[in-house]
PDB file of N, CA and C in Angstrom:
ATOM      1  N   MET A   1       0.875  -1.036   0.207  1.00  0.00           N
ATOM      2  CA  MET A   1       0.283   0.115   0.044  1.00  0.00           C
ATOM      3  C   MET A   1       1.134   1.630  -0.087  1.00  0.00           C
ATOM      4  N   ASP A   2       0.559   2.385  -0.968  1.00  0.00           N
ATOM      5  CA  ASP A   2       1.466   2.987  -0.553  1.00  0.00           C
ATOM      6  C   ASP A   2       0.868   4.211   0.361  1.00  0.00           C
ATOM      7  N   ARG A   3       1.794   4.902   1.324  1.00  0.00           N
ATOM      8  CA  ARG A   3       1.070   5.782   1.492  1.00  0.00           C
ATOM      9  C   ARG A   3       1.698   7.522   1.182  1.00  0.00           C
ATOM     10  N   VAL A   4       0.441   8.085   1.457  1.00  0.00           N
ATOM     11  CA  VAL A   4       0.754   9.634   0.846  1.00  0.00           C
ATOM     12  C   VAL A   4       1.017  10.380   1.935  1.00  0.00           C
ATOM     13  N   PHE A   5       1.890  11.317   1.851  1.00  0.00           N
ATOM     14  CA  PHE A   5       2.535  12.050   3.043  1.00  0.00           C
ATOM     15  C   PHE A   5       2.169  13.356   2.827  1.00  0.00           C
ATOM     16  N   ALA A   6       2.445  13.958   4.198  1.00  0.00           N
ATOM     17  CA  ALA A   6       1.428  15.723   3.798  1.00  0.00           C
ATOM     18  C   ALA A   6       2.347  16.081   5.460  1.00  0.00           C
ATOM     19  N   TRP A   7       2.284  17.526   5.994  1.00  0.00           N
ATOM     20  CA  TRP A   7       2.946  18.509   7.133  1.00  0.00           C
ATOM     21  C   TRP A   7       1.553  19.225   7.676  1.00  0.00           C
ATOM     22  N   ASP A   8       1.155  18.340   8.483  1.00  0.00           N
ATOM     23  CA  ASP A   8       0.321  18.756   9.221  1.00  0.00           C
ATOM     24  C   ASP A   8       0.164  20.172  10.322  1.00  0.00           C
ATOM     25  N   HIS A   9      -0.313  20.953   9.467  1.00  0.00           N
ATOM     26  CA  HIS A   9       0.430  22.398   9.936  1.00  0.00           C
ATOM     27  C   HIS A   9      -0.458  22.635  11.454  1.00  0.00           C
ATOM     28  N   HIS A  10      -1.411  21.884  11.726  1.00  0.00           N
ATOM     29  CA  HIS A  10      -1.599  22.525  13.504  1.00  0.00           C
ATOM     30  C   HIS A  10      -0.944  21.899  14.376  1.00  0.00           C
ATOM     31  N   HIS A  11      -0.614  20.029  14.355  1.00  0.00           N
ATOM     32  CA  HIS A  11       0.303  19.932  15.576  1.00  0.00           C
ATOM     33  C   HIS A  11       1.746  19.961  15.066  1.00  0.00           C
ATOM     34  N   ASN A  12       2.473  20.197  13.991  1.00  0.00           N
ATOM     35  CA  ASN A  12       4.182  20.478  13.603  1.00  0.00           C
ATOM     36  C   ASN A  12       4.357  19.211  13.179  1.00  0.00           C
ATOM     37  N   ARG A  13       3.479  18.389  12.827  1.00  0.00           N
ATOM     38  CA  ARG A  13       4.060  16.777  12.578  1.00  0.00           C
ATOM     39  C   ARG A  13       3.940  16.474  11.211  1.00  0.00           C
ATOM     40  N   VAL A  14       5.258  15.564  10.340  1.00  0.00           N
ATOM     41  CA  VAL A  14       4.469  14.599   9.464  1.00  0.00           C
ATOM     42  C   VAL A  14       3.239  14.133   9.635  1.00  0.00           C
ATOM     43  N   VAL A  15       2.514  13.323   8.803  1.00  0.00           N
ATOM     44  CA  VAL A  15       1.338  12.776   8.993  1.00  0.00           C
ATOM     45  C   VAL A  15       0.930  11.917   7.565  1.00  0.00           C
ATOM     46  N   TYR A  16       0.776  10.918   7.176  1.00  0.00           N
ATOM     47  CA  TYR A  16       0.622  10.012   6.402  1.00  0.00           C
ATOM     48  C   TYR A  16      -1.622   9.527   6.234  1.00  0.00           C
ATOM     49  N   ARG A  17      -1.508   9.285   5.176  1.00  0.00           N
ATOM     50  CA  ARG A  17      -2.650   8.034   4.717  1.00  0.00           C
ATOM     51  C   ARG A  17      -2.551   6.726   3.865  1.00  0.00           C
ATOM     52  N   ILE A  18      -3.152   6.918   3.730  1.00  0.00           N
ATOM     53  CA  ILE A  18      -3.725   5.077   2.873  1.00  0.00           C
ATOM     54  C   ILE A  18      -5.040   5.420   2.284  1.00  0.00           C
ATOM     55  N   PRO A  19      -5.311   5.042   0.961  1.00  0.00           N
ATOM     56  CA  PRO A  19      -5.559   6.103   0.414  1.00  0.00           C
ATOM     57  C   PRO A  19      -6.515   4.327  -0.082  1.00  0.00           C
ATOM     58  N   GLY A  20      -7.732   4.824   0.551  1.00  0.00           N
ATOM     59  CA  GLY A  20      -8.346   3.429  -0.027  1.00  0.00           C
ATOM     60  C   GLY A  20      -8.373   2.375   1.340  1.00  0.00           C
ATOM     61  N   HIS A  21      -7.295   2.766   2.493  1.00  0.00           N
ATOM     62  CA  HIS A  21      -7.564   1.439   3.387  1.00  0.00           C
ATOM     63  C   HIS A  21      -8.959   1.337   4.038  1.00  0.00           C
ATOM     64  N   HIS A  22      -9.466   0.155   4.388  1.00  0.00           N
ATOM     65  CA  HIS A  22     -10.534   0.358   5.413  1.00  0.00           C
ATOM     66  C   HIS A  22      -9.423  -0.203   7.207  1.00  0.00           C
ATOM     67  N   PHE A  23     -10.419   0.177   8.176  1.00  0.00           N
ATOM     68  CA  PHE A  23      -9.197   0.372   9.254  1.00  0.00           C
ATOM     69  C   PHE A  23     -10.009  -0.668  10.590  1.00  0.00           C
ATOM     70  N   ASP A  24      -9.901  -1.577  10.841  1.00  0.00           N
ATOM     71  CA  ASP A  24     -10.408  -2.145  12.040  1.00  0.00           C
ATOM     72  C   ASP A  24     -12.044  -1.539  12.849  1.00  0.00           C
ATOM     73  N   ASP A  25     -11.841  -0.599  12.962  1.00  0.00           N
ATOM     74  CA  ASP A  25     -13.540   0.354  13.257  1.00  0.00           C
ATOM     75  C   ASP A  25     -14.303   0.766  12.515  1.00  0.00           C
ATOM     76  N   GLY A  26     -13.645   0.427  11.421  1.00  0.00           N
ATOM     77  CA  GLY A  26     -14.738   1.011  10.323  1.00  0.00           C
ATOM     78  C   GLY A  26     -14.706   1.866   9.100  1.00  0.00           C
ATOM     79  N   ARG A  27     -13.801   3.069   9.574  1.00  0.00           N
ATOM     80  CA  ARG A  27     -13.175   4.098   8.972  1.00  0.00           C
ATOM     81  C   ARG A  27     -12.766   3.222   7.437  1.00  0.00           C
ATOM     82  N   GLU A  28     -12.860   4.531   5.960  1.00  0.00           N
ATOM     83  CA  GLU A  28     -12.503   3.845   5.472  1.00  0.00           C
ATOM     84  C   GLU A  28     -11.525   5.749   5.106  1.00  0.00           C
ATOM     85  N   ASP A  29     -10.327   4.981   4.389  1.00  0.00           N
ATOM     86  CA  ASP A  29      -9.500   6.632   4.147  1.00  0.00           C
ATOM     87  C   ASP A  29     -10.181   6.879   2.634  1.00  0.00           C
ATOM     88  N   SER A  30     -10.589   7.815   2.628  1.00  0.00           N
ATOM     89  CA  SER A  30     -10.986   8.404   0.884  1.00  0.00           C
ATOM     90  C   SER A  30     -10.841   9.843   0.738  1.00  0.00           C
ATOM     91  N   ASP A  31     -10.787  10.290  -0.386  1.00  0.00           N
ATOM     92  CA  ASP A  31     -10.513  11.781  -0.542  1.00  0.00           C
ATOM     93  C   ASP A  31     -10.935  12.438   0.070  1.00  0.00           C
ATOM     94  N   LEU A  32     -12.352  11.761  -0.135  1.00  0.00           N
ATOM     95  CA  LEU A  32     -13.688  12.947   0.771  1.00  0.00           C
ATOM     96  C   LEU A  32     -13.430  12.778   2.512  1.00  0.00           C
ATOM     97  N   SER A  33     -12.835  11.779   2.855  1.00  0.00           N
ATOM     98  CA  SER A  33     -12.618  11.669   4.648  1.00  0.00           C
ATOM     99  C   SER A  33     -11.060  11.395   4.433  1.00  0.00           C
ATOM    100  N   PRO A  34     -10.503  11.863   4.052  1.00  0.00           N
ATOM    101  CA  PRO A  34      -9.046  11.092   4.238  1.00  0.00           C
ATOM    102  C   PRO A  34      -8.911  11.513   5.807  1.00  0.00           C
ATOM    103  N   VAL A  35      -8.087   9.980   6.261  1.00  0.00           N
ATOM    104  CA  VAL A  35      -7.721   9.835   7.765  1.00  0.00           C
ATOM    105  C   VAL A  35      -6.569   9.473   7.674  1.00  0.00           C
ATOM    106  N   TRP A  36      -5.770  10.785   8.272  1.00  0.00           N
ATOM    107  CA  TRP A  36      -4.441  10.928   8.690  1.00  0.00           C
ATOM    108  C   TRP A  36      -4.204  10.288   9.591  1.00  0.00           C
ATOM    109  N   LEU A  37      -2.794   9.687  10.269  1.00  0.00           N
ATOM    110  CA  LEU A  37      -1.617   8.910  11.561  1.00  0.00           C
ATOM    111  C   LEU A  37      -0.543   9.528  10.961  1.00  0.00           C
ATOM    112  N   PRO A  38       0.050   9.906  12.399  1.00  0.00           N
ATOM    113  CA  PRO A  38       0.660  10.297  12.560  1.00  0.00           C
ATOM    114  C   PRO A  38       2.091   9.708  12.449  1.00  0.00           C
ATOM    115  N   ALA A  39       2.687  10.082  11.750  1.00  0.00           N
ATOM    116  CA  ALA A  39       4.509   9.664  11.266  1.00  0.00           C
ATOM    117  C   ALA A  39       6.081  10.244  11.755  1.00  0.00           C
ATOM    118  N   GLU A  40       6.817   9.822  11.123  1.00  0.00           N
ATOM    119  CA  GLU A  40       7.931  10.635  11.718  1.00  0.00           C
ATOM    120  C   GLU A  40       8.631  10.982  10.769  1.00  0.00           C
ATOM    121  N   VAL A  41       9.587  11.941  10.559  1.00  0.00           N
ATOM    122  CA  VAL A  41      10.746  12.561   9.441  1.00  0.00           C
ATOM    123  C   VAL A  41      11.027  11.325   8.683  1.00  0.00           C
ATOM    124  N   SER A  42      11.704  10.634   9.422  1.00  0.00           N
ATOM    125  CA  SER A  42      12.684   9.524   8.769  1.00  0.00           C
ATOM    126  C   SER A  42      11.174   8.114   8.040  1.00  0.00           C
ATOM    127  N   ASP A  43      10.461   8.589   8.425  1.00  0.00           N
ATOM    128  CA  ASP A  43       9.804   7.556   7.441  1.00  0.00           C
ATOM    129  C   ASP A  43       9.389   8.171   6.280  1.00  0.00           C
ATOM    130  N   LEU A  44       9.730   9.304   5.689  1.00  0.00           N
ATOM    131  CA  LEU A  44       9.533  10.139   3.898  1.00  0.00           C
ATOM    132  C   LEU A  44      10.687   8.843   3.433  1.00  0.00           C
ATOM    133  N   PRO A  45      10.049   8.594   2.360  1.00  0.00           N
ATOM    134  CA  PRO A  45      10.718   8.443   1.651  1.00  0.00           C
ATOM    135  C   PRO A  45      12.464   8.703   0.573  1.00  0.00           C
ATOM    136  N   GLU A  46      13.056   8.358   0.515  1.00  0.00           N
ATOM    137  CA  GLU A  46      13.800   9.313   0.575  1.00  0.00           C
ATOM    138  C   GLU A  46      13.999   9.705  -0.878  1.00  0.00           C
ATOM    139  N   GLY A  47      15.226  11.285  -0.225  1.00  0.00           N
ATOM    140  CA  GLY A  47      14.524  12.437  -1.216  1.00  0.00           C
ATOM    141  C   GLY A  47      13.680  13.298  -1.068  1.00  0.00           C
ATOM    142  N   VAL A  48      12.685  12.825  -0.838  1.00  0.00           N
ATOM    143  CA  VAL A  48      11.701  14.129  -0.058  1.00  0.00           C
ATOM    144  C   VAL A  48      12.117  14.038   1.333  1.00  0.00           C
ATOM    145  N   ALA A  49      11.389  15.613   1.003  1.00  0.00           N
ATOM    146  CA  ALA A  49      11.995  16.710   2.891  1.00  0.00           C
ATOM    147  C   ALA A  49      10.465  17.333   3.433  1.00  0.00           C
ATOM    148  N   VAL A  50      10.810  17.358   4.172  1.00  0.00           N
ATOM    149  CA  VAL A  50       9.348  18.277   4.780  1.00  0.00           C
ATOM    150  C   VAL A  50       8.823  18.991   3.861  1.00  0.00           C
ATOM    151  N   ASP A  51       9.707  19.774   3.584  1.00  0.00           N
ATOM    152  CA  ASP A  51       9.672  21.280   2.718  1.00  0.00           C
ATOM    153  C   ASP A  51       9.230  20.792   1.313  1.00  0.00           C
ATOM    154  N   ASP A  52       8.617  19.519   1.023  1.00  0.00           N
ATOM    155  CA  ASP A  52       8.199  18.978  -0.499  1.00  0.00           C
ATOM    156  C   ASP A  52       6.477  18.799   0.211  1.00  0.00           C
ATOM    157  N   LEU A  53       6.640  19.016   1.159  1.00  0.00           N
ATOM    158  CA  LEU A  53       5.168  17.772   1.435  1.00  0.00           C
ATOM    159  C   LEU A  53       4.185  19.088   0.905  1.00  0.00           C
ATOM    160  N   ARG A  54       2.664  18.457   1.085  1.00  0.00           N
ATOM    161  CA  ARG A  54       1.737  19.424   1.431  1.00  0.00           C
ATOM    162  C   ARG A  54       1.021  19.739   2.794  1.00  0.00           C
ATOM    163  N   THR A  55       0.264  20.893   2.084  1.00  0.00           N
ATOM    164  CA  THR A  55       0.270  21.190   4.302  1.00  0.00           C
ATOM    165  C   THR A  55      -1.236  20.652   4.294  1.00  0.00           C
ATOM    166  N   VAL A  56      -2.143  20.034   5.887  1.00  0.00           N
ATOM    167  CA  VAL A  56      -3.302  19.918   5.540  1.00  0.00           C
ATOM    168  C   VAL A  56      -3.104  20.295   7.603  1.00  0.00           C
ATOM    169  N   SER A  57      -4.384  20.338   8.127  1.00  0.00           N
ATOM    170  CA  SER A  57      -4.705  20.514   8.930  1.00  0.00           C
ATOM    171  C   SER A  57      -5.304  19.735   9.447  1.00  0.00           C
ATOM    172  N   VAL A  58      -4.631  18.499  10.458  1.00  0.00           N
ATOM    173  CA  VAL A  58      -5.837  17.614  10.857  1.00  0.00           C
ATOM    174  C   VAL A  58      -6.285  17.743  12.423  1.00  0.00           C
ATOM    175  N   LYS A  59      -7.447  17.373  12.208  1.00  0.00           N
ATOM    176  CA  LYS A  59      -8.205  17.548  13.773  1.00  0.00           C
ATOM    177  C   LYS A  59      -8.145  16.886  14.421  1.00  0.00           C
ATOM    178  N   ASP A  60      -8.222  17.189  15.728  1.00  0.00           N
ATOM    179  CA  ASP A  60      -8.336  16.417  17.282  1.00  0.00           C
ATOM    180  C   ASP A  60      -9.475  15.483  17.241  1.00  0.00           C
TER     181      ASP A  60
END
């Protein structure tokens, strides 16, 4: 599964989502309802920097 990374400016952290993934709690990650999960800068693919990421606002 391909991860899509972004920068959560609300919490100042890297986040990722897995489009189309179904979670055990019934949520489905979709473009209309993305499920952003926390990540580490070290999780980014080689050659990708935080400055390259799009900015999102993840609600609590």
